[in-house]
């Protein structure tokens, strides 16, 4: 499994910005897919954004044009730039690494970082 450590969460007013970081314990390009998930109180964890080899990026409809996922291979770090934040973006954000083996997928998770957007 991969070790993941998130940082960058906090309290911000609506309309503000935050950048989340996730440090990965080995080469980020060796991992099939990196992603950010979030979980709001009382709700299921949901996929926010993902990035695959070849820079193929996908976003949840609710964050398109506001959030940007990126990675820095030199730092083995995944980022999530969040702009124009809304109260409904509040939740715990988790970094995820997905490795796809013939025997099945293996998911690794970070500990999560809290994002709170006030109205």
C-alpha atoms as a PDB file:
ATOM      1  CA  UNK A   1       0.000   0.000   0.000  1.00  0.00           C
ATOM      2  CA  UNK A   2       0.870   3.652  -0.401  1.00  0.00           C
ATOM      3  CA  UNK A   3       1.204   6.110   2.498  1.00  0.00           C
ATOM      4  CA  UNK A   4      -0.648   9.388   1.989  1.00  0.00           C
ATOM      5  CA  UNK A   5      -0.495  12.534   4.135  1.00  0.00           C
ATOM      6  CA  UNK A   6      -2.887  15.415   3.471  1.00  0.00           C
ATOM      7  CA  UNK A   7      -2.621  19.031   4.550  1.00  0.00           C
ATOM      8  CA  UNK A   8      -4.033  22.421   3.674  1.00  0.00           C
ATOM      9  CA  UNK A   9      -7.549  22.290   5.054  1.00  0.00           C
ATOM     10  CA  UNK A  10      -9.039  25.039   7.167  1.00  0.00           C
ATOM     11  CA  UNK A  11     -11.819  27.540   7.639  1.00  0.00           C
ATOM     12  CA  UNK A  12     -12.567  29.929   4.795  1.00  0.00           C
ATOM     13  CA  UNK A  13     -15.400  32.265   3.853  1.00  0.00           C
ATOM     14  CA  UNK A  14     -17.621  31.561   0.879  1.00  0.00           C
ATOM     15  CA  UNK A  15     -15.920  32.722  -2.311  1.00  0.00           C
ATOM     16  CA  UNK A  16     -12.469  32.062  -0.918  1.00  0.00           C
ATOM     17  CA  UNK A  17      -9.792  29.579  -1.954  1.00  0.00           C
ATOM     18  CA  UNK A  18      -7.774  26.750  -0.429  1.00  0.00           C
ATOM     19  CA  UNK A  19      -5.116  24.407  -1.778  1.00  0.00           C
ATOM     20  CA  UNK A  20      -4.936  20.883  -0.439  1.00  0.00           C
ATOM     21  CA  UNK A  21      -1.756  18.831  -0.658  1.00  0.00           C
ATOM     22  CA  UNK A  22      -1.184  15.092  -0.419  1.00  0.00           C
ATOM     23  CA  UNK A  23       2.352  13.767  -0.065  1.00  0.00           C
ATOM     24  CA  UNK A  24       2.745  10.275  -1.509  1.00  0.00           C
ATOM     25  CA  UNK A  25       5.263   7.754  -0.148  1.00  0.00           C
ATOM     26  CA  UNK A  26       6.582   6.727  -3.566  1.00  0.00           C
ATOM     27  CA  UNK A  27       6.621   7.863  -7.197  1.00  0.00           C
ATOM     28  CA  UNK A  28       3.249   9.374  -7.948  1.00  0.00           C
ATOM     29  CA  UNK A  29       3.484   8.245 -11.565  1.00  0.00           C
ATOM     30  CA  UNK A  30       3.712   4.612 -10.486  1.00  0.00           C
ATOM     31  CA  UNK A  31       0.126   4.800  -9.218  1.00  0.00           C
ATOM     32  CA  UNK A  32      -2.698   4.096 -11.656  1.00  0.00           C
ATOM     33  CA  UNK A  33      -5.064   6.776 -10.394  1.00  0.00           C
ATOM     34  CA  UNK A  34      -4.864   9.514  -7.766  1.00  0.00           C
ATOM     35  CA  UNK A  35      -7.995  11.185  -6.508  1.00  0.00           C
ATOM     36  CA  UNK A  36      -9.603  13.469  -3.954  1.00  0.00           C
ATOM     37  CA  UNK A  37     -12.794  12.432  -2.169  1.00  0.00           C
ATOM     38  CA  UNK A  38     -14.844  14.308   0.378  1.00  0.00           C
ATOM     39  CA  UNK A  39     -17.353  13.400   3.035  1.00  0.00           C
ATOM     40  CA  UNK A  40     -19.848  15.857   4.452  1.00  0.00           C
ATOM     41  CA  UNK A  41     -21.533  15.223   7.816  1.00  0.00           C
ATOM     42  CA  UNK A  42     -24.254  12.603   7.449  1.00  0.00           C
ATOM     43  CA  UNK A  43     -23.402  11.911   3.815  1.00  0.00           C
ATOM     44  CA  UNK A  44     -21.497   9.269   1.905  1.00  0.00           C
ATOM     45  CA  UNK A  45     -17.975   9.832   0.714  1.00  0.00           C
ATOM     46  CA  UNK A  46     -17.977  11.167  -2.850  1.00  0.00           C
ATOM     47  CA  UNK A  47     -15.402  11.481  -5.601  1.00  0.00           C
ATOM     48  CA  UNK A  48     -14.381  15.095  -6.189  1.00  0.00           C
ATOM     49  CA  UNK A  49     -11.590  14.821  -8.760  1.00  0.00           C
ATOM     50  CA  UNK A  50      -9.227  12.246 -10.197  1.00  0.00           C
ATOM     51  CA  UNK A  51      -6.139  12.106 -12.381  1.00  0.00           C
ATOM     52  CA  UNK A  52      -4.659   9.196 -14.292  1.00  0.00           C
ATOM     53  CA  UNK A  53      -1.449   8.552 -16.193  1.00  0.00           C
ATOM     54  CA  UNK A  54      -1.407  10.745 -19.266  1.00  0.00           C
ATOM     55  CA  UNK A  55      -2.917  13.638 -17.311  1.00  0.00           C
ATOM     56  CA  UNK A  56      -6.493  12.432 -17.808  1.00  0.00           C
ATOM     57  CA  UNK A  57      -8.550  14.433 -15.299  1.00  0.00           C
ATOM     58  CA  UNK A  58     -12.152  14.071 -14.201  1.00  0.00           C
ATOM     59  CA  UNK A  59     -14.274  16.206 -11.896  1.00  0.00           C
ATOM     60  CA  UNK A  60     -17.602  15.933 -10.133  1.00  0.00           C
ATOM     61  CA  UNK A  61     -20.158  18.194 -11.796  1.00  0.00           C
ATOM     62  CA  UNK A  62     -20.505  20.201  -8.579  1.00  0.00           C
ATOM     63  CA  UNK A  63     -16.858  21.339  -8.667  1.00  0.00           C
ATOM     64  CA  UNK A  64     -16.142  21.704 -12.387  1.00  0.00           C
ATOM     65  CA  UNK A  65     -14.598  25.064 -13.298  1.00  0.00           C
ATOM     66  CA  UNK A  66     -13.887  25.755  -9.604  1.00  0.00           C
ATOM     67  CA  UNK A  67     -11.475  22.990  -8.562  1.00  0.00           C
ATOM     68  CA  UNK A  68      -8.268  21.848 -10.248  1.00  0.00           C
ATOM     69  CA  UNK A  69      -6.397  18.611  -9.559  1.00  0.00           C
ATOM     70  CA  UNK A  70      -2.698  18.434 -10.323  1.00  0.00           C
ATOM     71  CA  UNK A  71       0.459  16.574  -9.332  1.00  0.00           C
ATOM     72  CA  UNK A  72       4.137  17.363  -8.947  1.00  0.00           C
ATOM     73  CA  UNK A  73       6.327  14.371  -9.765  1.00  0.00           C
ATOM     74  CA  UNK A  74       9.452  15.962  -8.288  1.00  0.00           C
ATOM     75  CA  UNK A  75       7.721  16.319  -4.912  1.00  0.00           C
ATOM     76  CA  UNK A  76       5.519  13.216  -5.175  1.00  0.00           C
ATOM     77  CA  UNK A  77       2.627  15.439  -4.227  1.00  0.00           C
ATOM     78  CA  UNK A  78      -0.994  15.635  -5.344  1.00  0.00           C
ATOM     79  CA  UNK A  79      -2.830  18.954  -5.133  1.00  0.00           C
ATOM     80  CA  UNK A  80      -6.396  20.184  -5.179  1.00  0.00           C
ATOM     81  CA  UNK A  81      -6.799  23.887  -5.857  1.00  0.00           C
ATOM     82  CA  UNK A  82     -10.250  24.962  -4.703  1.00  0.00           C
ATOM     83  CA  UNK A  83     -11.596  28.349  -5.793  1.00  0.00           C
ATOM     84  CA  UNK A  84     -14.962  30.059  -5.356  1.00  0.00           C
ATOM     85  CA  UNK A  85     -15.686  27.848  -2.383  1.00  0.00           C
ATOM     86  CA  UNK A  86     -19.277  27.335  -1.279  1.00  0.00           C
ATOM     87  CA  UNK A  87     -20.711  26.214   2.083  1.00  0.00           C
ATOM     88  CA  UNK A  88     -21.714  22.944   0.434  1.00  0.00           C
ATOM     89  CA  UNK A  89     -18.018  22.204  -0.166  1.00  0.00           C
ATOM     90  CA  UNK A  90     -17.628  21.708   3.585  1.00  0.00           C
ATOM     91  CA  UNK A  91     -16.405  18.270   4.601  1.00  0.00           C
ATOM     92  CA  UNK A  92     -13.406  16.080   5.262  1.00  0.00           C
ATOM     93  CA  UNK A  93     -11.263  15.726   2.158  1.00  0.00           C
ATOM     94  CA  UNK A  94      -9.375  12.492   1.590  1.00  0.00           C
ATOM     95  CA  UNK A  95      -6.518  11.690  -0.728  1.00  0.00           C
ATOM     96  CA  UNK A  96      -6.825   8.319  -2.489  1.00  0.00           C
ATOM     97  CA  UNK A  97      -4.418   6.132  -4.438  1.00  0.00           C
ATOM     98  CA  UNK A  98      -5.804   3.367  -6.623  1.00  0.00           C
ATOM     99  CA  UNK A  99      -3.540   0.581  -7.851  1.00  0.00           C
ATOM    100  CA  UNK A 100      -5.028  -1.877 -10.316  1.00  0.00           C
ATOM    101  CA  UNK A 101      -3.599  -5.373 -10.152  1.00  0.00           C
ATOM    102  CA  UNK A 102      -4.669  -8.539 -11.928  1.00  0.00           C
ATOM    103  CA  UNK A 103      -5.874  -9.852  -8.563  1.00  0.00           C
ATOM    104  CA  UNK A 104      -8.005  -6.741  -8.043  1.00  0.00           C
ATOM    105  CA  UNK A 105      -7.764  -3.070  -7.088  1.00  0.00           C
ATOM    106  CA  UNK A 106      -5.984  -1.814  -3.991  1.00  0.00           C
ATOM    107  CA  UNK A 107      -7.048   1.494  -2.447  1.00  0.00           C
ATOM    108  CA  UNK A 108      -4.977   3.563  -0.034  1.00  0.00           C
ATOM    109  CA  UNK A 109      -6.335   6.526   1.943  1.00  0.00           C
ATOM    110  CA  UNK A 110      -4.954   9.467   3.808  1.00  0.00           C
ATOM    111  CA  UNK A 111      -6.182  10.530   7.230  1.00  0.00           C
ATOM    112  CA  UNK A 112      -8.287  13.375   5.825  1.00  0.00           C
ATOM    113  CA  UNK A 113      -8.202  17.133   6.199  1.00  0.00           C
ATOM    114  CA  UNK A 114     -11.163  19.258   7.291  1.00  0.00           C
ATOM    115  CA  UNK A 115     -12.462  22.013   5.003  1.00  0.00           C
ATOM    116  CA  UNK A 116     -15.096  24.349   6.414  1.00  0.00           C
ATOM    117  CA  UNK A 117     -16.681  27.062   4.277  1.00  0.00           C
ATOM    118  CA  UNK A 118     -18.709  29.673   6.124  1.00  0.00           C
ATOM    119  CA  UNK A 119     -21.515  31.630   4.509  1.00  0.00           C
END
